[in-house]
Protein backbone atom coordinates (compact mmCIF):
# COMPACT_ATOMS: atom_id res chain seq x y z
CA MET A 1 2.72 17.94 -16.44
CA MET A 2 4.48 15.40 -18.50
CA THR A 3 3.34 11.97 -17.50
CA SER A 4 4.87 8.77 -19.29
CA THR A 5 2.42 5.57 -18.63
CA THR A 6 3.03 2.04 -18.68
CA VAL A 7 -0.21 -0.04 -18.58
CA LEU A 8 -0.46 -3.37 -17.81
CA GLU A 9 -4.40 -4.53 -18.37
CA ARG A 10 -6.18 -7.97 -17.50
CA SER A 11 -8.33 -7.56 -20.69
CA ASP A 12 -10.09 -10.43 -19.91
CA ASN A 13 -11.36 -8.79 -16.61
CA VAL A 14 -12.58 -5.76 -17.94
CA ASN A 15 -16.22 -4.77 -16.75
CA PRO A 16 -17.49 -2.34 -19.53
CA ALA A 17 -20.19 -1.10 -16.61
CA PHE A 18 -16.89 0.51 -15.28
CA GLU A 19 -16.14 2.81 -18.12
CA PRO A 20 -16.84 6.26 -17.28
CA HIS A 21 -20.28 7.07 -18.10
CA GLU A 22 -23.18 9.30 -17.05
CA THR A 23 -25.12 8.00 -13.92
CA THR A 24 -27.17 9.50 -11.03
CA ASP A 25 -26.98 6.19 -9.10
CA GLN A 26 -24.46 6.39 -6.28
CA SER A 27 -23.72 3.01 -6.63
CA ASP A 28 -22.39 3.32 -9.65
CA ASN A 29 -21.11 6.64 -9.49
CA LEU A 30 -18.04 6.18 -7.78
CA PHE A 31 -16.83 2.90 -9.75
CA SER A 32 -18.74 3.70 -13.42
CA SER A 33 -15.20 5.07 -13.58
CA GLU A 34 -12.81 3.10 -11.76
CA ARG A 35 -10.17 4.14 -14.27
CA THR A 36 -11.28 7.90 -13.59
CA LEU A 37 -10.56 7.65 -9.57
CA SER A 38 -7.04 6.01 -10.34
CA ARG A 39 -6.20 9.28 -12.09
CA GLU A 40 -7.64 11.46 -9.07
CA VAL A 41 -5.68 9.46 -6.42
CA LEU A 42 -2.76 9.33 -8.33
CA GLY A 43 -2.26 13.07 -7.80
CA VAL A 44 -2.91 12.67 -4.29
CA VAL A 45 -0.18 10.72 -3.83
CA GLU A 46 1.75 12.42 -6.05
CA ALA A 47 1.50 15.35 -3.94
CA ALA A 48 2.25 13.85 -0.41
CA ALA A 49 5.35 12.39 -2.29
CA LEU A 50 6.82 15.88 -3.62
CA ALA A 51 5.95 17.55 -0.06
CA ALA A 52 7.85 14.85 1.39
CA GLY A 53 10.65 14.12 -0.58
CA ARG A 54 12.26 17.71 -0.02
CA LEU A 55 13.04 16.79 3.37
CA MET A 56 15.10 13.32 2.57
CA GLY A 57 18.19 13.18 4.89
CA THR A 58 17.41 16.08 6.89
CA GLY A 59 16.26 13.45 10.20
CA LYS A 60 13.11 15.65 10.58
CA ARG A 61 10.59 12.49 10.45
CA ASP A 62 8.12 14.44 11.90
CA ALA A 63 8.34 17.13 9.87
CA ALA A 64 8.46 14.81 6.67
CA ASP A 65 5.31 13.27 7.86
CA GLN A 66 3.76 16.57 8.33
CA ALA A 67 4.21 17.96 4.89
CA ALA A 68 3.17 14.19 3.66
CA VAL A 69 -0.22 14.64 5.88
CA THR A 70 -0.91 18.11 4.81
CA ALA A 71 -0.02 18.02 0.96
CA MET A 72 -2.69 14.68 1.31
CA ARG A 73 -5.30 16.17 3.24
CA GLN A 74 -5.26 19.31 0.31
CA THR A 75 -5.20 17.43 -2.69
CA LEU A 76 -7.88 14.58 -0.98
CA ARG A 77 -10.75 17.43 -0.73
CA GLU A 78 -10.70 17.59 -4.65
CA ILE A 79 -11.72 14.27 -5.33
CA PRO A 80 -15.52 13.49 -6.26
CA VAL A 81 -16.58 11.69 -3.26
CA ASN A 82 -17.75 11.34 0.13
CA GLY A 83 -14.68 9.36 1.96
CA THR A 84 -14.03 8.39 5.48
CA ILE A 85 -10.40 7.58 6.78
CA VAL A 86 -10.57 4.25 8.03
CA ILE A 87 -6.80 3.36 8.11
CA GLY A 88 -4.78 6.53 9.01
CA GLU A 89 -2.64 7.56 11.59
CA GLY A 90 -5.11 8.81 14.49
CA GLU A 91 -4.62 6.04 17.08
CA ARG A 92 -0.48 5.72 17.25
CA ASP A 93 1.21 8.54 16.22
CA GLU A 94 1.61 11.57 17.92
CA ALA A 95 2.46 13.00 14.90
CA PRO A 96 0.00 15.23 12.62
CA MET A 97 -2.37 12.94 11.16
CA LEU A 98 -5.17 12.02 8.59
CA TYR A 99 -6.96 10.34 11.48
CA ILE A 100 -9.77 7.56 11.45
CA GLY A 101 -13.00 8.87 10.90
CA GLU A 102 -11.92 12.06 9.04
CA LYS A 103 -14.33 12.73 6.41
CA VAL A 104 -12.64 13.79 3.07
CA GLY A 105 -13.41 14.49 -0.57
CA LYS A 106 -15.71 16.94 -1.71
CA ILE A 107 -18.12 16.06 0.63
CA GLN A 108 -21.57 16.90 -1.48
CA PRO A 109 -25.07 15.22 -1.58
CA GLY A 110 -24.86 12.33 -4.13
CA LEU A 111 -21.22 11.83 -4.15
CA PRO A 112 -20.57 7.87 -3.54
CA GLU A 113 -19.69 7.03 0.03
CA VAL A 114 -15.98 5.48 0.07
CA ASP A 115 -13.86 3.92 2.85
CA ILE A 116 -10.12 5.07 2.56
CA ALA A 117 -7.01 3.77 3.80
CA VAL A 118 -3.90 5.94 4.24
CA ASP A 119 -0.45 6.01 4.70
CA PRO A 120 0.98 9.50 3.46
CA LEU A 121 4.61 8.46 4.18
CA GLU A 122 5.30 4.75 4.91
CA GLY A 123 8.64 4.81 6.08
CA THR A 124 9.24 8.30 8.35
CA ASN A 125 12.51 6.85 8.99
CA LEU A 126 13.63 5.95 5.63
CA VAL A 127 12.88 9.58 4.63
CA ALA A 128 14.86 11.58 7.55
CA HIS A 129 17.99 9.22 6.73
CA GLY A 130 17.64 9.22 2.88
CA LEU A 131 17.52 5.13 3.07
CA PRO A 132 15.55 3.34 0.33
CA GLY A 133 11.91 2.52 -0.17
CA ALA A 134 9.99 5.20 1.21
CA VAL A 135 6.27 5.37 -0.30
CA ALA A 136 2.82 7.67 0.03
CA THR A 137 0.09 5.42 -0.50
CA LEU A 138 -3.41 5.04 -0.21
CA ALA A 139 -6.22 2.47 -0.96
CA LEU A 140 -10.01 3.09 -1.47
CA ALA A 141 -12.83 1.18 -1.82
CA PRO A 142 -17.03 1.56 -1.48
CA LYS A 143 -17.96 1.64 2.16
CA GLY A 144 -17.63 -1.67 3.85
CA GLY A 145 -15.01 -2.73 1.37
CA LEU A 146 -12.12 -2.43 3.70
CA PHE A 147 -11.26 -3.98 6.99
CA HIS A 148 -11.23 -1.52 9.73
CA ALA A 149 -7.96 -2.89 11.33
CA PRO A 150 -7.10 -2.12 15.00
CA ASP A 151 -4.09 -0.41 15.77
CA THR A 152 -2.04 -3.08 16.76
CA TYR A 153 0.84 -5.73 15.08
CA MET A 154 -0.66 -8.66 12.63
CA GLU A 155 1.63 -11.99 11.69
CA LYS A 156 2.08 -12.02 7.86
CA LEU A 157 2.98 -13.73 4.83
CA VAL A 158 2.58 -12.50 1.58
CA VAL A 159 3.22 -14.43 -1.69
CA GLY A 160 2.71 -13.73 -5.18
CA PRO A 161 0.08 -15.36 -7.48
CA ASP A 162 2.05 -18.79 -8.51
CA ALA A 163 1.75 -19.34 -4.49
CA LYS A 164 -1.61 -18.18 -3.73
CA GLY A 165 -3.61 -20.35 -1.90
CA LYS A 166 -0.92 -23.03 -1.40
CA VAL A 167 1.35 -21.72 1.27
CA ASP A 168 -0.40 -21.51 5.10
CA ILE A 169 0.75 -19.22 7.79
CA ASN A 170 -0.02 -21.95 10.39
CA ALA A 171 2.83 -24.43 8.76
CA PRO A 172 6.26 -24.42 9.26
CA VAL A 173 8.32 -22.03 7.69
CA LYS A 174 10.58 -24.69 6.03
CA TYR A 175 7.05 -26.16 4.65
CA ASN A 176 6.18 -22.58 3.16
CA LEU A 177 9.19 -22.04 1.48
CA SER A 178 9.09 -25.59 -0.23
CA ILE A 179 5.94 -24.92 -1.28
CA LEU A 180 7.08 -21.38 -2.74
CA ALA A 181 10.21 -22.95 -4.86
CA MET A 182 7.74 -24.93 -6.33
CA SER A 183 5.40 -22.94 -7.21
CA LEU A 184 7.94 -20.42 -9.11
CA GLN A 185 9.70 -23.64 -10.18
CA ARG A 186 12.74 -22.79 -8.82
CA GLU A 187 15.01 -24.47 -5.44
CA VAL A 188 14.73 -22.84 -1.92
CA GLN A 189 17.98 -21.59 -2.29
CA ASP A 190 16.81 -19.05 -5.23
CA LEU A 191 14.04 -17.17 -3.01
CA THR A 192 14.64 -14.21 -1.56
CA ILE A 193 12.39 -13.11 1.69
CA VAL A 194 12.06 -9.62 3.14
CA ILE A 195 11.90 -9.57 6.93
CA LEU A 196 11.80 -6.60 9.30
CA ASP A 197 15.07 -6.16 11.29
CA ARG A 198 13.87 -6.85 14.61
CA PRO A 199 14.89 -8.54 17.69
CA ARG A 200 11.40 -10.37 17.70
CA HIS A 201 11.95 -12.15 14.30
CA ALA A 202 15.35 -13.99 15.63
CA GLU A 203 13.68 -17.34 15.28
CA LEU A 204 11.94 -16.80 12.15
CA ILE A 205 15.06 -15.40 10.31
CA GLY A 206 17.03 -18.68 11.85
CA GLU A 207 14.42 -20.92 10.24
CA VAL A 208 14.26 -19.35 6.82
CA ARG A 209 18.36 -19.35 6.90
CA GLU A 210 18.15 -23.10 7.90
CA ALA A 211 15.71 -23.65 5.01
CA GLY A 212 18.27 -22.13 2.60
CA ALA A 213 16.57 -19.25 1.38
CA ARG A 214 17.87 -16.04 1.16
CA ILE A 215 16.91 -13.15 3.39
CA LYS A 216 16.99 -9.48 2.17
CA LEU A 217 15.96 -7.73 6.19
CA ILE A 218 14.55 -3.97 6.33
CA SER A 219 14.84 -1.61 8.62
CA ASP A 220 11.22 -0.09 7.98
CA GLY A 221 7.88 -0.22 5.89
CA ASP A 222 7.03 -4.00 4.84
CA LEU A 223 4.37 -2.66 2.59
CA MET A 224 6.07 -2.27 -0.69
CA PRO A 225 8.46 -5.15 -0.33
CA ALA A 226 4.58 -7.09 -0.27
CA VAL A 227 3.76 -5.25 -3.35
CA SER A 228 7.02 -6.39 -4.86
CA ALA A 229 6.74 -10.08 -3.97
CA ALA A 230 3.14 -10.26 -5.72
CA LEU A 231 4.90 -8.73 -8.91
CA ILE A 232 6.93 -11.42 -11.19
CA GLY A 233 10.53 -10.53 -11.82
CA SER A 234 10.87 -8.12 -8.75
CA GLY A 235 13.18 -10.52 -7.03
CA ILE A 236 11.37 -10.99 -3.88
CA HIS A 237 9.34 -14.00 -3.27
CA ALA A 238 7.70 -13.30 -0.27
CA VAL A 239 7.40 -11.18 2.88
CA MET A 240 7.00 -12.72 6.70
CA GLY A 241 7.11 -11.76 9.85
CA THR A 242 5.07 -9.25 12.16
CA GLY A 243 4.30 -5.53 11.06
CA GLY A 244 1.67 -3.39 11.40
CA ALA A 245 -2.25 -4.29 11.14
CA PRO A 246 -3.33 -0.99 9.39
CA GLU A 247 -0.65 -2.04 6.94
CA ALA A 248 -1.96 -5.16 6.04
CA VAL A 249 -5.35 -3.45 4.83
CA LEU A 250 -3.24 -1.33 2.43
CA THR A 251 -0.96 -4.41 1.67
CA ALA A 252 -4.27 -6.54 1.26
CA ALA A 253 -5.46 -4.24 -1.43
CA ALA A 254 -2.69 -4.04 -3.51
CA VAL A 255 -2.05 -8.00 -3.77
CA LYS A 256 -5.81 -8.35 -4.43
CA CYS A 257 -5.11 -5.96 -7.54
CA LEU A 258 -1.58 -8.12 -8.77
CA GLY A 259 -3.33 -11.56 -8.36
CA GLY A 260 -1.36 -12.35 -4.96
CA GLU A 261 -2.03 -13.02 -1.19
CA ILE A 262 -1.60 -12.26 2.14
CA GLN A 263 -2.29 -14.33 5.46
CA ALA A 264 -2.19 -12.54 8.78
CA ARG A 265 -2.75 -13.03 12.37
CA LEU A 266 -3.50 -10.27 15.15
CA ARG A 267 -0.70 -9.90 17.53
CA TRP A 268 -1.52 -8.13 20.61
CA ARG A 269 1.04 -5.58 22.45
CA ASN A 270 -0.83 -4.88 25.42
CA GLU A 271 -4.49 -5.50 26.93
CA GLU A 272 -5.71 -1.60 25.95
CA GLU A 273 -5.31 -2.73 22.39
CA LYS A 274 -7.67 -5.58 23.24
CA LYS A 275 -9.97 -3.19 24.87
CA ARG A 276 -10.02 -0.78 21.95
CA ALA A 277 -10.56 -3.59 19.57
CA ALA A 278 -12.98 -5.18 21.81
CA ARG A 279 -15.05 -1.58 21.27
CA MET A 280 -14.80 -1.83 17.39
CA ASN A 281 -16.18 -5.28 17.51
CA ILE A 282 -13.39 -7.03 16.69
CA ASP A 283 -12.55 -10.89 17.17
CA LEU A 284 -9.75 -10.75 19.68
CA SER A 285 -8.43 -14.08 19.04
CA GLU A 286 -4.97 -14.64 17.55
CA GLU A 287 -5.48 -17.69 15.87
CA LYS A 288 -8.04 -16.29 13.31
CA ILE A 289 -6.47 -15.90 10.17
CA TYR A 290 -7.42 -13.26 7.82
CA ARG A 291 -6.86 -13.66 4.00
CA THR A 292 -6.78 -11.01 1.30
CA ASP A 293 -10.71 -11.06 1.11
CA ASP A 294 -11.17 -10.53 4.45
CA LEU A 295 -8.99 -7.13 4.88
CA ALA A 296 -9.91 -6.18 1.17
CA PRO A 297 -13.38 -7.77 0.56
CA ALA A 298 -14.37 -5.11 -2.12
CA ASN A 299 -14.99 -6.07 -5.43
CA GLU A 300 -14.34 -2.27 -6.52
CA LEU A 301 -11.01 -1.08 -5.62
CA VAL A 302 -8.09 1.34 -6.19
CA PHE A 303 -4.51 1.39 -4.84
CA ALA A 304 -1.83 4.07 -5.44
CA ALA A 305 1.52 4.41 -4.13
CA CYS A 306 4.23 7.16 -5.07
CA GLY A 307 8.31 6.64 -4.57
CA ILE A 308 9.63 9.14 -2.17
CA THR A 309 13.13 7.41 -1.68
CA THR A 310 14.04 5.07 -4.37
CA GLY A 311 13.22 1.25 -3.54
CA ASP A 312 12.63 -1.56 -5.59
CA THR A 313 9.61 -1.02 -7.18
CA LEU A 314 9.25 2.68 -7.39
CA LYS A 315 12.16 5.39 -7.87
CA GLY A 316 12.03 8.40 -5.63
CA VAL A 317 11.30 11.67 -6.12
CA ASN A 318 14.24 13.42 -8.55
CA TYR A 319 13.91 17.42 -8.30
CA PHE A 320 15.71 19.69 -10.59
CA GLY A 321 15.73 23.58 -11.45
CA ASN A 322 11.99 23.97 -13.00
CA GLY A 323 9.93 20.87 -11.21
CA ALA A 324 10.21 17.22 -10.31
CA ARG A 325 9.90 13.79 -11.52
CA THR A 326 7.70 11.23 -9.80
CA HIS A 327 7.65 7.34 -10.21
CA SER A 328 4.00 5.48 -9.28
CA LEU A 329 1.96 2.82 -9.15
CA ILE A 330 -1.97 2.85 -9.79
CA MET A 331 -3.98 -0.26 -9.61
CA ALA A 332 -7.92 -0.62 -10.47
CA TYR A 333 -8.96 -4.16 -9.17
CA GLN A 334 -12.36 -4.61 -11.26
CA SER A 335 -10.80 -3.08 -14.54
CA GLY A 336 -7.57 -5.27 -14.12
CA LEU A 337 -5.47 -1.84 -14.51
CA VAL A 338 -1.84 -2.19 -13.24
CA ARG A 339 -0.24 1.23 -14.34
CA PHE A 340 3.57 2.23 -13.64
CA VAL A 341 3.62 6.14 -14.34
CA ASP A 342 6.36 8.54 -14.79
CA THR A 343 5.68 11.95 -14.25
CA ILE A 344 7.41 15.21 -14.83
CA HIS A 345 5.94 18.23 -12.88
CA LEU A 346 6.89 21.52 -14.40
CA ASN A 347 6.89 24.97 -12.43
CA ARG A 348 5.57 26.93 -15.48
CA GLU A 349 6.64 30.31 -13.49
CA LYS A 350 10.84 29.12 -13.53
CA GLY A 351 9.99 27.92 -17.48
CA GLY A 352 12.69 25.34 -18.84
CA ARG A 353 12.94 22.45 -20.83
CA VAL A 354 11.92 18.45 -20.04
CA LYS A 355 14.78 16.14 -20.61
CA LEU A 356 14.48 12.56 -20.95
């Protein structure tokens, strides 16, 4: 395997205690090596992407999901943690899943207890139809470090570091766009807002257009556009609208690493969802605002995503005669680590050369 890595680090935020070192204390054991774990989870999302990418454009959405889940489950077994899936596909999809409550990792005495949020294939329709923006993604934190989101929807507002703490999900759309524009030192008409193309967003789309901002409508998958909104220079300035609550937790983990912000409110679809959430001791109010630290409260946090089909931030899997090439994003919050990783996976049995 040949790897080329672009590394961006908040060097003023590096905690030497989180460099790899020998320890017998479980609380130190996991994030004694946040960076080491980031390399471990890189292999997990790469494996899922490589497996699902083979089915791009075949129309086989469930088969693509199955391939990603199987590959992710197999590689998760090798991670040196006692892990529990807290965000998975277990409540919603009838497709094969990494279910909520599933135990993953090496599962050995003395290894750290961690919570894991996964979406082995964010964008099943995107892969099935060969559309851009599908990814395999995962977030990992110490036990209790990720919100156990119910399987419902959330109204979301995601912005980057410049607008963090300035926008308000309760405020009118026009106000938030004005604040966002001023924070980025540009005009409202220069903004690009990502919104899921759904009938429920007709009013929101109308308000954004009336304010003068540009809109990028997407068919599926609001996670990576949210990551792009927190990356300066991506050309995406905010994500607005209602999407999956589990995806909001993954989004929170990612934008926290990038210094951005998510604000979200629960949007129930039926009474059965409320009953399940009540059993989870979740506040049923649709007025409660969940912020970044509510959804991803951990101070030690690892987020990983690997492109399956090429999107705004990550390139898709590229297969060639004796291997494949992947493009991934790996982040560790406490270490201040942000890596874009370009990896070539060689099949040694087929031989061959590496071409740049």
